[in-house]
Amino acid sequence: MGHTVIQIPVPALEPLVRHQLTAEMPDLARPDDTTVCAHITALGPFVDERDVDDPLLASLAELFAAVRPFAFDLVDVRRFPDGPTYLAPVPREPFRELTARLAHTYPAWPPYGGAFDDVVPHLSLGTMTLAEAHAALGRDLPVRAWAGEAHLTWWSPTSVRILARFPLGDSSR
């Protein structure tokens, strides 16, 4: 079973994340080169792929046009208790604000299905241990990144693909 996710892509970490994904998801078809798997989730799970239509895309485009692009750094490696290893973004507030805005606009889709009281912005490194993540990233931390667009992406055990891209900020201003 799959679901859509609204995510902020982090292309700088694509080689590492893509390698980890293929190791952890052996049935996953190789995503095309335009699909960025390395991301920070803004809202997910989101609507079923069949429910992606023009009114939804227009609503998302309007929402993202009101969000200013921003820089962030992925500064340290952490691990959720009994969960994945991840990179924490600084500042985290723009991600929290974006998730809150999306959850308010689409109340039928609470972040992470409502499983957590506090949503922690993060870029997942999956089952990597802390030592493996530190070895893979080494001196590359912190990673400087730019949130300039959001992707509506389909994720399933066999497929990852971008359904729509939305620039952050209103380019007509």
C-alpha atoms as a PDB file:
ATOM      1  CA  MET A   1       0.000   0.000   0.000  1.00  0.00           C
ATOM      2  CA  GLY A   2       1.264   3.467  -0.793  1.00  0.00           C
ATOM      3  CA  HIS A   3       0.530   7.067   0.075  1.00  0.00           C
ATOM      4  CA  THR A   4       1.429  10.573  -0.971  1.00  0.00           C
ATOM      5  CA  VAL A   5       3.726  12.828   1.026  1.00  0.00           C
ATOM      6  CA  ILE A   6       4.283  16.558   0.815  1.00  0.00           C
ATOM      7  CA  GLN A   7       8.009  16.973   1.168  1.00  0.00           C
ATOM      8  CA  ILE A   8      10.816  19.475   0.921  1.00  0.00           C
ATOM      9  CA  PRO A   9      13.544  17.938  -1.265  1.00  0.00           C
ATOM     10  CA  VAL A  10      17.190  17.959  -0.182  1.00  0.00           C
ATOM     11  CA  PRO A  11      19.113  17.145  -3.388  1.00  0.00           C
ATOM     12  CA  ALA A  12      22.527  17.417  -1.711  1.00  0.00           C
ATOM     13  CA  LEU A  13      21.840  14.197   0.202  1.00  0.00           C
ATOM     14  CA  GLU A  14      20.236  12.282  -2.654  1.00  0.00           C
ATOM     15  CA  PRO A  15      23.142   9.860  -3.280  1.00  0.00           C
ATOM     16  CA  LEU A  16      23.269   8.797   0.379  1.00  0.00           C
ATOM     17  CA  VAL A  17      19.500   8.513   0.836  1.00  0.00           C
ATOM     18  CA  ARG A  18      18.920   6.756  -2.488  1.00  0.00           C
ATOM     19  CA  HIS A  19      21.619   4.202  -1.661  1.00  0.00           C
ATOM     20  CA  GLN A  20      20.042   3.585   1.757  1.00  0.00           C
ATOM     21  CA  LEU A  21      16.554   3.269   0.245  1.00  0.00           C
ATOM     22  CA  THR A  22      17.610   0.665  -2.280  1.00  0.00           C
ATOM     23  CA  ALA A  23      19.303  -1.327   0.492  1.00  0.00           C
ATOM     24  CA  GLU A  24      16.230  -1.189   2.737  1.00  0.00           C
ATOM     25  CA  MET A  25      13.547  -1.567   0.050  1.00  0.00           C
ATOM     26  CA  PRO A  26      14.698  -4.301  -2.329  1.00  0.00           C
ATOM     27  CA  ASP A  27      11.413  -4.254  -4.308  1.00  0.00           C
ATOM     28  CA  LEU A  28      11.666  -0.532  -5.001  1.00  0.00           C
ATOM     29  CA  ALA A  29      11.998   0.267  -8.699  1.00  0.00           C
ATOM     30  CA  ARG A  30      14.840   2.694  -9.330  1.00  0.00           C
ATOM     31  CA  PRO A  31      13.305   6.183  -9.169  1.00  0.00           C
ATOM     32  CA  ASP A  32      13.931   8.290 -12.257  1.00  0.00           C
ATOM     33  CA  ASP A  33      16.649  10.911 -12.041  1.00  0.00           C
ATOM     34  CA  THR A  34      14.156  13.763 -11.558  1.00  0.00           C
ATOM     35  CA  THR A  35      12.776  12.245  -8.339  1.00  0.00           C
ATOM     36  CA  VAL A  36      14.515  13.448  -5.192  1.00  0.00           C
ATOM     37  CA  CYS A  37      14.075  10.871  -2.439  1.00  0.00           C
ATOM     38  CA  ALA A  38      16.107  12.804   0.166  1.00  0.00           C
ATOM     39  CA  HIS A  39      13.562  15.027   1.879  1.00  0.00           C
ATOM     40  CA  ILE A  40      12.043  16.498   4.996  1.00  0.00           C
ATOM     41  CA  THR A  41       8.384  15.570   5.284  1.00  0.00           C
ATOM     42  CA  ALA A  42       6.005  18.517   5.607  1.00  0.00           C
ATOM     43  CA  LEU A  43       2.845  16.362   5.684  1.00  0.00           C
ATOM     44  CA  GLY A  44       2.361  12.671   5.296  1.00  0.00           C
ATOM     45  CA  PRO A  45       0.646  10.452   4.788  1.00  0.00           C
ATOM     46  CA  PHE A  46      -1.496  12.619   2.559  1.00  0.00           C
ATOM     47  CA  VAL A  47      -4.212  11.877   0.004  1.00  0.00           C
ATOM     48  CA  ASP A  48      -4.408   8.759  -2.118  1.00  0.00           C
ATOM     49  CA  GLU A  49      -2.898   9.143  -5.569  1.00  0.00           C
ATOM     50  CA  ARG A  50      -6.386   8.763  -7.101  1.00  0.00           C
ATOM     51  CA  ASP A  51      -7.497  11.871  -5.191  1.00  0.00           C
ATOM     52  CA  VAL A  52      -4.870  14.154  -6.707  1.00  0.00           C
ATOM     53  CA  ASP A  53      -6.904  16.435  -8.965  1.00  0.00           C
ATOM     54  CA  ASP A  54      -6.796  19.974 -10.331  1.00  0.00           C
ATOM     55  CA  PRO A  55      -8.593  21.597  -7.354  1.00  0.00           C
ATOM     56  CA  LEU A  56      -6.183  19.951  -4.892  1.00  0.00           C
ATOM     57  CA  LEU A  57      -3.153  20.966  -6.952  1.00  0.00           C
ATOM     58  CA  ALA A  58      -4.456  24.539  -7.177  1.00  0.00           C
ATOM     59  CA  SER A  59      -5.018  24.623  -3.414  1.00  0.00           C
ATOM     60  CA  LEU A  60      -1.497  23.376  -2.749  1.00  0.00           C
ATOM     61  CA  ALA A  61      -0.003  25.849  -5.238  1.00  0.00           C
ATOM     62  CA  GLU A  62      -1.792  28.715  -3.467  1.00  0.00           C
ATOM     63  CA  LEU A  63      -0.639  27.543  -0.046  1.00  0.00           C
ATOM     64  CA  PHE A  64       3.000  27.204  -1.134  1.00  0.00           C
ATOM     65  CA  ALA A  65       2.951  30.581  -2.901  1.00  0.00           C
ATOM     66  CA  ALA A  66       2.405  32.128   0.541  1.00  0.00           C
ATOM     67  CA  VAL A  67       5.448  30.357   2.075  1.00  0.00           C
ATOM     68  CA  ARG A  68       8.771  32.171   1.847  1.00  0.00           C
ATOM     69  CA  PRO A  69      11.734  30.071   0.687  1.00  0.00           C
ATOM     70  CA  PHE A  70      14.351  29.592   3.403  1.00  0.00           C
ATOM     71  CA  ALA A  71      17.844  28.275   4.045  1.00  0.00           C
ATOM     72  CA  PHE A  72      18.544  25.600   6.608  1.00  0.00           C
ATOM     73  CA  ASP A  73      21.378  23.400   7.798  1.00  0.00           C
ATOM     74  CA  LEU A  74      21.293  19.714   8.619  1.00  0.00           C
ATOM     75  CA  VAL A  75      23.563  19.842  11.619  1.00  0.00           C
ATOM     76  CA  ASP A  76      23.660  16.600  13.510  1.00  0.00           C
ATOM     77  CA  VAL A  77      22.772  12.947  13.404  1.00  0.00           C
ATOM     78  CA  ARG A  78      20.152  11.697  15.838  1.00  0.00           C
ATOM     79  CA  ARG A  79      18.031   8.606  16.331  1.00  0.00           C
ATOM     80  CA  PHE A  80      14.400   8.363  17.330  1.00  0.00           C
ATOM     81  CA  PRO A  81      13.788   5.907  20.181  1.00  0.00           C
ATOM     82  CA  ASP A  82      13.056   2.581  18.456  1.00  0.00           C
ATOM     83  CA  GLY A  83      13.005   4.433  15.135  1.00  0.00           C
ATOM     84  CA  PRO A  84      15.087   5.701  12.253  1.00  0.00           C
ATOM     85  CA  THR A  85      18.316   7.621  12.302  1.00  0.00           C
ATOM     86  CA  TYR A  86      17.892  11.172  11.029  1.00  0.00           C
ATOM     87  CA  LEU A  87      19.439  14.538  10.391  1.00  0.00           C
ATOM     88  CA  ALA A  88      17.966  17.472  12.284  1.00  0.00           C
ATOM     89  CA  PRO A  89      17.395  20.768  10.443  1.00  0.00           C
ATOM     90  CA  VAL A  90      18.265  24.146  11.939  1.00  0.00           C
ATOM     91  CA  PRO A  91      16.226  26.221  12.103  1.00  0.00           C
ATOM     92  CA  ARG A  92      13.363  23.815  12.593  1.00  0.00           C
ATOM     93  CA  GLU A  93      10.653  26.444  13.019  1.00  0.00           C
ATOM     94  CA  PRO A  94       9.971  26.993   9.284  1.00  0.00           C
ATOM     95  CA  PHE A  95       9.306  23.255   8.907  1.00  0.00           C
ATOM     96  CA  ARG A  96       7.058  23.184  11.967  1.00  0.00           C
ATOM     97  CA  GLU A  97       5.153  26.231  10.678  1.00  0.00           C
ATOM     98  CA  LEU A  98       4.729  24.647   7.243  1.00  0.00           C
ATOM     99  CA  THR A  99       3.441  21.403   8.765  1.00  0.00           C
ATOM    100  CA  ALA A 100       1.034  23.343  10.982  1.00  0.00           C
ATOM    101  CA  ARG A 101      -0.237  25.329   7.979  1.00  0.00           C
ATOM    102  CA  LEU A 102      -0.767  22.149   5.951  1.00  0.00           C
ATOM    103  CA  ALA A 103      -2.481  20.363   8.861  1.00  0.00           C
ATOM    104  CA  HIS A 104      -4.775  23.345   9.365  1.00  0.00           C
ATOM    105  CA  THR A 105      -5.638  23.501   5.656  1.00  0.00           C
ATOM    106  CA  TYR A 106      -6.107  19.721   5.349  1.00  0.00           C
ATOM    107  CA  PRO A 107      -7.425  18.630   8.784  1.00  0.00           C
ATOM    108  CA  ALA A 108      -8.372  15.154   7.513  1.00  0.00           C
ATOM    109  CA  TRP A 109      -4.620  14.505   7.142  1.00  0.00           C
ATOM    110  CA  PRO A 110      -2.851  15.060  10.486  1.00  0.00           C
ATOM    111  CA  PRO A 111       0.943  14.803  10.428  1.00  0.00           C
ATOM    112  CA  TYR A 112       2.074  11.166  10.547  1.00  0.00           C
ATOM    113  CA  GLY A 113      -1.563  10.103  10.807  1.00  0.00           C
ATOM    114  CA  GLY A 114      -1.788  11.707  14.257  1.00  0.00           C
ATOM    115  CA  ALA A 115       0.652   9.169  15.725  1.00  0.00           C
ATOM    116  CA  PHE A 116       2.821  11.752  17.523  1.00  0.00           C
ATOM    117  CA  ASP A 117       2.015  14.651  19.831  1.00  0.00           C
ATOM    118  CA  ASP A 118       5.086  16.574  18.692  1.00  0.00           C
ATOM    119  CA  VAL A 119       6.204  16.504  15.072  1.00  0.00           C
ATOM    120  CA  VAL A 120      10.001  16.568  14.815  1.00  0.00           C
ATOM    121  CA  PRO A 121      11.285  17.891  11.468  1.00  0.00           C
ATOM    122  CA  HIS A 122      13.893  15.476  10.145  1.00  0.00           C
ATOM    123  CA  LEU A 123      15.569  13.949   7.118  1.00  0.00           C
ATOM    124  CA  SER A 124      15.381  10.186   7.591  1.00  0.00           C
ATOM    125  CA  LEU A 125      18.460   8.044   7.122  1.00  0.00           C
ATOM    126  CA  GLY A 126      16.468   4.883   7.764  1.00  0.00           C
ATOM    127  CA  THR A 127      18.070   2.005   9.607  1.00  0.00           C
ATOM    128  CA  MET A 128      21.609   3.380   9.480  1.00  0.00           C
ATOM    129  CA  THR A 129      23.271   3.286  12.855  1.00  0.00           C
ATOM    130  CA  LEU A 130      24.584   6.526  14.292  1.00  0.00           C
ATOM    131  CA  ALA A 131      28.119   5.340  13.597  1.00  0.00           C
ATOM    132  CA  GLU A 132      27.274   4.488   9.960  1.00  0.00           C
ATOM    133  CA  ALA A 133      25.664   7.886   9.458  1.00  0.00           C
ATOM    134  CA  HIS A 134      28.636   9.701  10.976  1.00  0.00           C
ATOM    135  CA  ALA A 135      31.006   7.675   8.807  1.00  0.00           C
ATOM    136  CA  ALA A 136      28.951   8.398   5.660  1.00  0.00           C
ATOM    137  CA  LEU A 137      28.645  12.124   6.360  1.00  0.00           C
ATOM    138  CA  GLY A 138      31.888  12.740   8.222  1.00  0.00           C
ATOM    139  CA  ARG A 139      33.180  16.212   7.541  1.00  0.00           C
ATOM    140  CA  ASP A 140      30.228  17.071   5.301  1.00  0.00           C
ATOM    141  CA  LEU A 141      28.198  18.175   8.319  1.00  0.00           C
ATOM    142  CA  PRO A 142      26.590  20.568   8.503  1.00  0.00           C
ATOM    143  CA  VAL A 143      24.898  20.245   5.119  1.00  0.00           C
ATOM    144  CA  ARG A 144      23.634  23.611   3.841  1.00  0.00           C
ATOM    145  CA  ALA A 145      20.289  23.357   2.031  1.00  0.00           C
ATOM    146  CA  TRP A 146      17.582  25.530   0.532  1.00  0.00           C
ATOM    147  CA  ALA A 147      13.833  25.061   0.803  1.00  0.00           C
ATOM    148  CA  GLY A 148      12.687  26.558  -2.482  1.00  0.00           C
ATOM    149  CA  GLU A 149      10.038  24.080  -3.543  1.00  0.00           C
ATOM    150  CA  ALA A 150       7.770  21.358  -2.228  1.00  0.00           C
ATOM    151  CA  HIS A 151       6.988  18.053  -3.906  1.00  0.00           C
ATOM    152  CA  LEU A 152       3.846  15.975  -3.760  1.00  0.00           C
ATOM    153  CA  THR A 153       5.400  12.518  -3.974  1.00  0.00           C
ATOM    154  CA  TRP A 154       3.950   9.020  -4.226  1.00  0.00           C
ATOM    155  CA  TRP A 155       5.657   6.461  -1.974  1.00  0.00           C
ATOM    156  CA  SER A 156       5.011   2.717  -1.999  1.00  0.00           C
ATOM    157  CA  PRO A 157       7.165  -0.367  -1.400  1.00  0.00           C
ATOM    158  CA  THR A 158       7.773  -0.592  -5.161  1.00  0.00           C
ATOM    159  CA  SER A 159       7.613   3.004  -6.415  1.00  0.00           C
ATOM    160  CA  VAL A 160       8.657   6.560  -5.620  1.00  0.00           C
ATOM    161  CA  ARG A 161       7.709   9.344  -8.002  1.00  0.00           C
ATOM    162  CA  ILE A 162       6.943  13.040  -7.928  1.00  0.00           C
ATOM    163  CA  LEU A 163       3.347  13.859  -8.814  1.00  0.00           C
ATOM    164  CA  ALA A 164       3.660  17.661  -8.629  1.00  0.00           C
ATOM    165  CA  ARG A 165       6.182  20.385  -7.785  1.00  0.00           C
ATOM    166  CA  PHE A 166       5.339  23.680  -6.120  1.00  0.00           C
ATOM    167  CA  PRO A 167       7.688  26.648  -5.847  1.00  0.00           C
ATOM    168  CA  LEU A 168       7.738  28.324  -2.450  1.00  0.00           C
ATOM    169  CA  GLY A 169       6.911  32.005  -2.531  1.00  0.00           C
ATOM    170  CA  ASP A 170       4.995  33.983  -5.091  1.00  0.00           C
ATOM    171  CA  SER A 171       7.212  34.457  -8.118  1.00  0.00           C
ATOM    172  CA  SER A 172       4.900  37.214  -9.436  1.00  0.00           C
ATOM    173  CA  ARG A 173       5.828  39.589  -6.594  1.00  0.00           C
END
